[in-house]
Amino acid sequence: AGRHHVTFHMTEVEGRFNDIECGVVRPIKDWDNKGLQDFDPMCFSMNQHKYRKLLLAEKTDEWGDDLHCCSYSSHAGKCFFANWNDE
């Protein structure tokens, strides 16, 4: 809980520096054992929504109700967030 800070140092690699996405997600116990390696926490595509119930089962009172992860897209120049309670 509380504030966190991180700094990224990014450089162009072989001409491929057009979009960087980074974000944070709620802590999920045993993430590596849940088979979520290809999961996108932002749940942009409908096939990702099947993970919401699994992840919400890990919810604690400290989570609150409306923000479960957020990300920044350098291509769009915007921040995005996901509420896994929404269908």
Protein backbone atom coordinates (compact mmCIF):
# COMPACT_ATOMS: atom_id res chain seq x y z
CA ALA A 1 0.00 0.00 0.00
CA GLY A 2 1.08 3.57 -0.47
CA ARG A 3 2.96 5.33 -3.19
CA HIS A 4 5.39 3.65 -5.51
CA HIS A 5 7.84 5.03 -8.03
CA VAL A 6 9.72 3.48 -10.91
CA THR A 7 11.99 4.87 -13.62
CA PHE A 8 12.49 3.30 -17.03
CA HIS A 9 15.42 4.05 -19.31
CA MET A 10 14.42 3.15 -22.86
CA THR A 11 16.45 3.25 -26.03
CA GLU A 12 15.69 2.48 -29.66
CA VAL A 13 16.59 -1.07 -30.69
CA GLU A 14 16.94 -1.84 -34.39
CA GLY A 15 14.49 0.92 -35.34
CA ARG A 16 11.68 -0.52 -33.19
CA PHE A 17 10.71 2.15 -30.72
CA ASN A 18 7.26 3.12 -31.92
CA ASP A 19 5.15 1.94 -28.96
CA ILE A 20 6.01 1.18 -25.36
CA GLU A 21 3.35 0.03 -22.91
CA CYS A 22 3.91 -0.30 -19.20
CA GLY A 23 1.56 -0.64 -16.29
CA VAL A 24 0.80 -1.92 -12.84
CA VAL A 25 -1.66 -4.55 -11.70
CA ARG A 26 -3.04 -5.59 -8.34
CA PRO A 27 -0.88 -8.15 -6.57
CA ILE A 28 -2.07 -11.64 -7.47
CA LYS A 29 -0.91 -14.52 -5.27
CA ASP A 30 0.77 -17.35 -7.22
CA TRP A 31 0.52 -15.46 -10.54
CA ASP A 32 3.06 -17.82 -12.15
CA ASN A 33 0.99 -20.89 -11.19
CA LYS A 34 -2.29 -19.60 -12.67
CA GLY A 35 -1.34 -19.97 -16.35
CA LEU A 36 -1.63 -16.23 -16.99
CA GLN A 37 1.57 -15.69 -19.00
CA ASP A 38 -0.37 -14.41 -22.05
CA PHE A 39 -3.03 -12.57 -20.07
CA ASP A 40 -3.51 -8.85 -20.72
CA PRO A 41 -4.70 -7.32 -17.40
CA MET A 42 -6.37 -4.49 -19.30
CA CYS A 43 -8.84 -7.04 -20.76
CA PHE A 44 -9.20 -5.17 -24.05
CA SER A 45 -10.32 -8.23 -26.01
CA MET A 46 -13.35 -10.28 -25.02
CA ASN A 47 -11.34 -13.52 -24.82
CA GLN A 48 -9.44 -11.96 -21.91
CA HIS A 49 -12.63 -11.41 -19.87
CA LYS A 50 -12.71 -15.08 -18.82
CA TYR A 51 -9.86 -14.34 -16.42
CA ARG A 52 -11.74 -11.67 -14.48
CA LYS A 53 -13.56 -14.04 -12.10
CA LEU A 54 -10.35 -15.93 -11.42
CA LEU A 55 -8.51 -12.73 -10.57
CA LEU A 56 -11.35 -11.21 -8.57
CA ALA A 57 -11.32 -14.32 -6.37
CA GLU A 58 -7.98 -13.00 -5.06
CA LYS A 59 -9.56 -9.68 -4.06
CA THR A 60 -9.01 -8.34 -0.55
CA ASP A 61 -10.78 -5.48 1.25
CA GLU A 62 -7.76 -3.25 0.60
CA TRP A 63 -8.33 -3.38 -3.17
CA GLY A 64 -11.35 -1.09 -3.20
CA ASP A 65 -13.90 -1.54 -5.96
CA ASP A 66 -13.07 0.27 -9.16
CA LEU A 67 -9.42 0.07 -10.23
CA HIS A 68 -7.53 -3.17 -10.76
CA CYS A 69 -4.77 -2.19 -13.18
CA CYS A 70 -3.60 0.77 -15.22
CA SER A 71 -1.20 1.25 -18.11
CA TYR A 72 0.42 3.92 -20.23
CA SER A 73 0.76 3.70 -24.01
CA SER A 74 3.48 5.85 -25.55
CA HIS A 75 1.90 5.47 -29.00
CA ALA A 76 -1.46 6.83 -27.85
CA GLY A 77 0.09 9.16 -25.27
CA LYS A 78 -2.65 8.13 -22.86
CA CYS A 79 -3.23 6.23 -19.66
CA PHE A 80 -5.81 3.45 -19.48
CA PHE A 81 -7.37 1.59 -16.56
CA ALA A 82 -9.44 -1.54 -16.08
CA ASN A 83 -12.18 -2.38 -13.65
CA TRP A 84 -12.55 -6.16 -13.66
CA ASN A 85 -16.02 -5.81 -12.09
CA ASP A 86 -17.37 -4.43 -15.40
CA GLU A 87 -18.62 -6.92 -17.95
